[in-house]
Amino acid sequence: MDIKLLAGFANAPEPTTFIVNVIHAHPGKQDEAFRIIQDVVHYVAQRKAGFLWSNLAKSTDGLTVVNIEAIQGAGNVDEFFSDPVFVEKFRKLDDVSTSEFHTYTVGDLVLPKLGEAG
């Protein structure tokens, strides 16, 4: 029996780890940087059990690309970077951008208070 997992929101923080990769594209290279990180993320999504989901976005000013990725734990980062194919794909970003890479854990989840008179 196949079970499909769906991304969704929870009403309380889950012990999820987030990777935030801000990619500063060289002039005129935002679309190429997006395609490269998209290839990296799809590679991980198809092969790494620790991957949960990712949001990829391009800034409207044409300067940056952001990958916000949920993984099961900080140890998954080492697992991903121990894969030589992943590293080769990820290093292609160096030709079109500089980037900063940070790992976060959820500390609070804030949801809107809809339906309350204020």
N, C-alpha and C. Protein backbone atom coordinates (compact mmCIF):
# COMPACT_ATOMS: atom_id res chain seq x y z
N MET A 1 0.83 -1.18 0.00
CA MET A 1 0.00 0.00 0.00
C MET A 1 0.88 1.24 0.00
N ASP A 2 0.70 2.11 -0.98
CA ASP A 2 1.48 3.34 -1.06
C ASP A 2 0.84 4.41 -0.19
N ILE A 3 1.68 5.09 0.56
CA ILE A 3 1.21 6.20 1.40
C ILE A 3 1.84 7.46 0.87
N LYS A 4 1.01 8.45 0.57
CA LYS A 4 1.51 9.74 0.09
C LYS A 4 1.49 10.72 1.25
N LEU A 5 2.64 11.34 1.48
CA LEU A 5 2.73 12.35 2.52
C LEU A 5 2.49 13.72 1.89
N LEU A 6 1.70 14.52 2.54
CA LEU A 6 1.41 15.86 2.05
C LEU A 6 2.02 16.89 2.96
N ALA A 7 2.53 17.95 2.38
CA ALA A 7 3.02 19.07 3.19
C ALA A 7 1.83 19.80 3.75
N GLY A 8 1.98 20.32 4.94
CA GLY A 8 0.88 21.06 5.56
C GLY A 8 1.37 21.83 6.76
N PHE A 9 0.46 22.49 7.44
CA PHE A 9 0.79 23.28 8.61
C PHE A 9 0.27 22.58 9.85
N ALA A 10 0.99 22.72 10.93
CA ALA A 10 0.58 22.16 12.22
C ALA A 10 0.27 23.33 13.14
N ASN A 11 -0.55 23.07 14.17
CA ASN A 11 -0.91 24.15 15.08
C ASN A 11 0.09 24.31 16.21
N ALA A 12 1.15 23.54 16.21
CA ALA A 12 2.20 23.66 17.21
C ALA A 12 3.54 23.37 16.53
N PRO A 13 4.63 23.89 17.06
CA PRO A 13 5.93 23.63 16.44
C PRO A 13 6.26 22.14 16.39
N GLU A 14 6.79 21.72 15.28
CA GLU A 14 7.26 20.35 15.10
C GLU A 14 8.79 20.40 15.16
N PRO A 15 9.43 19.31 15.54
CA PRO A 15 10.90 19.31 15.60
C PRO A 15 11.51 19.21 14.20
N THR A 16 11.29 20.24 13.41
CA THR A 16 11.76 20.29 12.04
C THR A 16 12.98 21.19 11.94
N THR A 17 13.87 20.85 11.07
CA THR A 17 15.05 21.65 10.80
C THR A 17 14.86 22.31 9.44
N PHE A 18 15.20 23.58 9.35
CA PHE A 18 15.08 24.31 8.10
C PHE A 18 16.44 24.73 7.60
N ILE A 19 16.63 24.60 6.32
CA ILE A 19 17.80 25.12 5.64
C ILE A 19 17.34 26.36 4.89
N VAL A 20 18.04 27.45 5.07
CA VAL A 20 17.76 28.67 4.31
C VAL A 20 19.03 29.00 3.55
N ASN A 21 18.92 28.94 2.23
CA ASN A 21 20.05 29.22 1.35
C ASN A 21 19.69 30.46 0.54
N VAL A 22 20.36 31.56 0.83
CA VAL A 22 20.16 32.80 0.09
C VAL A 22 21.26 32.88 -0.96
N ILE A 23 20.84 32.90 -2.21
CA ILE A 23 21.76 32.87 -3.35
C ILE A 23 21.76 34.25 -3.99
N HIS A 24 22.92 34.91 -3.94
CA HIS A 24 23.08 36.24 -4.51
C HIS A 24 23.60 36.09 -5.94
N ALA A 25 22.71 36.20 -6.90
CA ALA A 25 23.06 35.95 -8.30
C ALA A 25 23.96 37.06 -8.85
N HIS A 26 24.92 36.66 -9.68
CA HIS A 26 25.70 37.64 -10.42
C HIS A 26 24.75 38.36 -11.37
N PRO A 27 25.07 39.58 -11.79
CA PRO A 27 24.17 40.34 -12.67
C PRO A 27 23.70 39.51 -13.87
N GLY A 28 22.38 39.49 -14.05
CA GLY A 28 21.77 38.78 -15.18
C GLY A 28 21.73 37.26 -15.03
N LYS A 29 22.10 36.73 -13.88
CA LYS A 29 22.20 35.28 -13.71
C LYS A 29 21.15 34.69 -12.76
N GLN A 30 20.12 35.47 -12.40
CA GLN A 30 19.13 34.97 -11.45
C GLN A 30 18.42 33.73 -11.97
N ASP A 31 17.98 33.74 -13.21
CA ASP A 31 17.25 32.59 -13.76
C ASP A 31 18.14 31.34 -13.79
N GLU A 32 19.41 31.52 -14.14
CA GLU A 32 20.33 30.38 -14.16
C GLU A 32 20.57 29.85 -12.74
N ALA A 33 20.74 30.76 -11.78
CA ALA A 33 20.91 30.34 -10.39
C ALA A 33 19.67 29.58 -9.91
N PHE A 34 18.49 30.05 -10.29
CA PHE A 34 17.25 29.37 -9.92
C PHE A 34 17.22 27.96 -10.49
N ARG A 35 17.57 27.80 -11.77
CA ARG A 35 17.55 26.48 -12.40
C ARG A 35 18.54 25.53 -11.73
N ILE A 36 19.71 26.05 -11.33
CA ILE A 36 20.71 25.20 -10.69
C ILE A 36 20.21 24.71 -9.33
N ILE A 37 19.73 25.62 -8.48
CA ILE A 37 19.27 25.19 -7.16
C ILE A 37 18.02 24.32 -7.30
N GLN A 38 17.21 24.58 -8.30
CA GLN A 38 16.04 23.73 -8.55
C GLN A 38 16.49 22.30 -8.87
N ASP A 39 17.52 22.15 -9.68
CA ASP A 39 18.06 20.84 -10.01
C ASP A 39 18.60 20.16 -8.75
N VAL A 40 19.30 20.90 -7.91
CA VAL A 40 19.84 20.36 -6.66
C VAL A 40 18.71 19.85 -5.77
N VAL A 41 17.69 20.68 -5.58
CA VAL A 41 16.59 20.32 -4.69
C VAL A 41 15.81 19.12 -5.23
N HIS A 42 15.57 19.08 -6.51
CA HIS A 42 14.87 17.92 -7.08
C HIS A 42 15.70 16.64 -6.93
N TYR A 43 17.00 16.77 -7.07
CA TYR A 43 17.89 15.62 -6.84
C TYR A 43 17.73 15.10 -5.42
N VAL A 44 17.78 16.01 -4.45
CA VAL A 44 17.64 15.62 -3.04
C VAL A 44 16.26 15.02 -2.78
N ALA A 45 15.22 15.66 -3.30
CA ALA A 45 13.85 15.21 -3.07
C ALA A 45 13.62 13.79 -3.56
N GLN A 46 14.31 13.42 -4.63
CA GLN A 46 14.11 12.09 -5.21
C GLN A 46 14.96 11.01 -4.54
N ARG A 47 15.98 11.41 -3.74
CA ARG A 47 16.94 10.41 -3.27
C ARG A 47 17.20 10.40 -1.78
N LYS A 48 16.82 11.43 -1.05
CA LYS A 48 17.21 11.54 0.35
C LYS A 48 15.99 11.47 1.26
N ALA A 49 15.98 10.47 2.13
CA ALA A 49 14.84 10.25 3.01
C ALA A 49 14.62 11.42 3.99
N GLY A 50 15.66 12.15 4.35
CA GLY A 50 15.54 13.24 5.30
C GLY A 50 14.88 14.49 4.74
N PHE A 51 14.70 14.55 3.44
CA PHE A 51 14.07 15.71 2.79
C PHE A 51 12.57 15.70 3.05
N LEU A 52 12.00 16.85 3.47
CA LEU A 52 10.56 16.96 3.69
C LEU A 52 9.89 17.80 2.61
N TRP A 53 10.37 19.03 2.39
CA TRP A 53 9.82 19.89 1.34
C TRP A 53 10.74 21.10 1.15
N SER A 54 10.51 21.83 0.06
CA SER A 54 11.29 23.02 -0.23
C SER A 54 10.42 24.06 -0.92
N ASN A 55 10.69 25.32 -0.62
CA ASN A 55 10.13 26.46 -1.36
C ASN A 55 11.30 27.15 -2.05
N LEU A 56 11.20 27.34 -3.34
CA LEU A 56 12.21 28.08 -4.10
C LEU A 56 11.58 29.36 -4.60
N ALA A 57 12.27 30.47 -4.41
CA ALA A 57 11.71 31.76 -4.81
C ALA A 57 12.78 32.65 -5.42
N LYS A 58 12.35 33.47 -6.38
CA LYS A 58 13.22 34.49 -6.98
C LYS A 58 12.75 35.85 -6.47
N SER A 59 13.68 36.71 -6.10
CA SER A 59 13.30 38.06 -5.68
C SER A 59 12.82 38.86 -6.88
N THR A 60 11.94 39.78 -6.64
CA THR A 60 11.38 40.59 -7.73
C THR A 60 12.38 41.60 -8.27
N ASP A 61 13.47 41.85 -7.54
CA ASP A 61 14.50 42.79 -8.02
C ASP A 61 15.54 42.11 -8.90
N GLY A 62 15.42 40.79 -9.09
CA GLY A 62 16.34 40.07 -9.98
C GLY A 62 17.70 39.76 -9.36
N LEU A 63 17.84 39.93 -8.05
CA LEU A 63 19.16 39.79 -7.43
C LEU A 63 19.39 38.49 -6.67
N THR A 64 18.35 37.90 -6.12
CA THR A 64 18.56 36.73 -5.27
C THR A 64 17.57 35.61 -5.58
N VAL A 65 17.95 34.43 -5.13
CA VAL A 65 17.11 33.25 -5.13
C VAL A 65 17.19 32.69 -3.72
N VAL A 66 16.07 32.20 -3.21
CA VAL A 66 16.06 31.64 -1.86
C VAL A 66 15.50 30.22 -1.91
N ASN A 67 16.20 29.33 -1.21
CA ASN A 67 15.73 27.97 -1.00
C ASN A 67 15.44 27.83 0.49
N ILE A 68 14.18 27.65 0.84
CA ILE A 68 13.78 27.36 2.22
C ILE A 68 13.34 25.91 2.21
N GLU A 69 14.10 25.09 2.90
CA GLU A 69 13.94 23.64 2.80
C GLU A 69 13.76 23.03 4.18
N ALA A 70 12.77 22.19 4.33
CA ALA A 70 12.55 21.48 5.59
C ALA A 70 13.15 20.08 5.48
N ILE A 71 13.95 19.73 6.51
CA ILE A 71 14.55 18.41 6.57
C ILE A 71 14.29 17.83 7.96
N GLN A 72 14.51 16.55 8.11
CA GLN A 72 14.20 15.90 9.38
C GLN A 72 15.14 16.29 10.50
N GLY A 73 16.41 16.55 10.19
CA GLY A 73 17.35 16.90 11.25
C GLY A 73 18.62 17.48 10.69
N ALA A 74 19.38 18.15 11.54
CA ALA A 74 20.62 18.80 11.10
C ALA A 74 21.61 17.80 10.51
N GLY A 75 21.56 16.54 10.95
CA GLY A 75 22.45 15.52 10.41
C GLY A 75 22.23 15.26 8.93
N ASN A 76 21.05 15.60 8.43
CA ASN A 76 20.78 15.41 7.00
C ASN A 76 21.69 16.29 6.14
N VAL A 77 22.11 17.43 6.66
CA VAL A 77 22.99 18.32 5.90
C VAL A 77 24.29 17.58 5.57
N ASP A 78 24.90 16.94 6.57
CA ASP A 78 26.13 16.18 6.32
C ASP A 78 25.89 15.04 5.33
N GLU A 79 24.73 14.40 5.47
CA GLU A 79 24.38 13.32 4.55
C GLU A 79 24.31 13.83 3.11
N PHE A 80 23.64 14.97 2.91
CA PHE A 80 23.51 15.52 1.56
C PHE A 80 24.89 15.86 0.99
N PHE A 81 25.73 16.53 1.81
CA PHE A 81 27.04 16.97 1.32
C PHE A 81 28.05 15.82 1.21
N SER A 82 27.72 14.63 1.70
CA SER A 82 28.61 13.49 1.51
C SER A 82 28.36 12.79 0.17
N ASP A 83 27.33 13.24 -0.53
CA ASP A 83 26.98 12.67 -1.84
C ASP A 83 27.73 13.46 -2.91
N PRO A 84 28.68 12.82 -3.62
CA PRO A 84 29.48 13.56 -4.61
C PRO A 84 28.66 14.15 -5.75
N VAL A 85 27.58 13.52 -6.15
CA VAL A 85 26.73 14.07 -7.21
C VAL A 85 26.06 15.34 -6.71
N PHE A 86 25.55 15.32 -5.47
CA PHE A 86 24.95 16.51 -4.87
C PHE A 86 25.97 17.65 -4.85
N VAL A 87 27.17 17.37 -4.37
CA VAL A 87 28.21 18.40 -4.26
C VAL A 87 28.53 18.99 -5.63
N GLU A 88 28.64 18.14 -6.64
CA GLU A 88 28.92 18.62 -8.00
C GLU A 88 27.82 19.56 -8.49
N LYS A 89 26.57 19.17 -8.27
CA LYS A 89 25.44 20.00 -8.68
C LYS A 89 25.43 21.31 -7.90
N PHE A 90 25.64 21.24 -6.59
CA PHE A 90 25.59 22.42 -5.73
C PHE A 90 26.70 23.41 -6.08
N ARG A 91 27.87 22.91 -6.40
CA ARG A 91 29.02 23.78 -6.73
C ARG A 91 28.81 24.57 -8.02
N LYS A 92 27.90 24.15 -8.87
CA LYS A 92 27.61 24.91 -10.08
C LYS A 92 27.10 26.31 -9.75
N LEU A 93 26.54 26.48 -8.56
CA LEU A 93 26.09 27.81 -8.13
C LEU A 93 27.24 28.80 -8.07
N ASP A 94 28.45 28.31 -7.78
CA ASP A 94 29.62 29.20 -7.66
C ASP A 94 29.91 29.96 -8.95
N ASP A 95 29.51 29.41 -10.09
CA ASP A 95 29.76 30.06 -11.38
C ASP A 95 28.82 31.24 -11.63
N VAL A 96 27.67 31.26 -10.95
CA VAL A 96 26.66 32.28 -11.24
C VAL A 96 26.25 33.10 -10.02
N SER A 97 26.86 32.81 -8.85
CA SER A 97 26.39 33.47 -7.64
C SER A 97 27.36 33.29 -6.48
N THR A 98 27.05 33.99 -5.41
CA THR A 98 27.60 33.69 -4.10
C THR A 98 26.40 33.32 -3.25
N SER A 99 26.63 32.61 -2.15
CA SER A 99 25.47 32.23 -1.35
C SER A 99 25.84 32.11 0.11
N GLU A 100 24.81 32.18 0.93
CA GLU A 100 24.96 31.94 2.36
C GLU A 100 23.95 30.87 2.73
N PHE A 101 24.39 29.99 3.60
CA PHE A 101 23.66 28.77 3.92
C PHE A 101 23.56 28.69 5.44
N HIS A 102 22.34 28.62 5.96
CA HIS A 102 22.14 28.54 7.41
C HIS A 102 21.15 27.43 7.74
N THR A 103 21.32 26.84 8.92
CA THR A 103 20.44 25.80 9.42
C THR A 103 19.70 26.32 10.64
N TYR A 104 18.39 26.10 10.68
CA TYR A 104 17.54 26.59 11.76
C TYR A 104 16.68 25.47 12.31
N THR A 105 16.30 25.58 13.59
CA THR A 105 15.29 24.70 14.16
C THR A 105 14.12 25.58 14.60
N VAL A 106 12.93 25.01 14.54
CA VAL A 106 11.72 25.76 14.88
C VAL A 106 11.70 26.07 16.37
N GLY A 107 11.47 27.34 16.71
CA GLY A 107 11.35 27.75 18.10
C GLY A 107 9.95 28.22 18.44
N ASP A 108 9.21 28.66 17.43
CA ASP A 108 7.86 29.15 17.66
C ASP A 108 7.12 29.12 16.33
N LEU A 109 5.85 28.87 16.39
CA LEU A 109 4.99 28.92 15.22
C LEU A 109 3.90 29.92 15.52
N VAL A 110 3.79 30.95 14.71
CA VAL A 110 2.81 32.01 14.93
C VAL A 110 1.78 31.95 13.82
N LEU A 111 0.51 31.84 14.21
CA LEU A 111 -0.59 31.79 13.26
C LEU A 111 -1.51 32.98 13.50
N PRO A 112 -2.23 33.43 12.48
CA PRO A 112 -3.13 34.56 12.67
C PRO A 112 -4.30 34.18 13.58
N LYS A 113 -4.79 35.15 14.28
CA LYS A 113 -5.96 34.94 15.14
C LYS A 113 -7.18 35.44 14.37
N LEU A 114 -7.69 34.59 13.50
CA LEU A 114 -8.82 34.95 12.65
C LEU A 114 -10.13 34.75 13.42
N GLY A 115 -11.10 35.59 13.11
CA GLY A 115 -12.42 35.43 13.68
C GLY A 115 -12.62 36.04 15.05
N GLU A 116 -11.59 36.65 15.60
CA GLU A 116 -11.73 37.29 16.89
C GLU A 116 -11.97 38.78 16.70
N ALA A 117 -12.89 39.34 17.45
CA ALA A 117 -13.15 40.78 17.40
C ALA A 117 -11.97 41.49 18.05
N GLY A 118 -11.52 42.55 17.45
CA GLY A 118 -10.34 43.20 17.99
C GLY A 118 -10.53 44.59 18.13
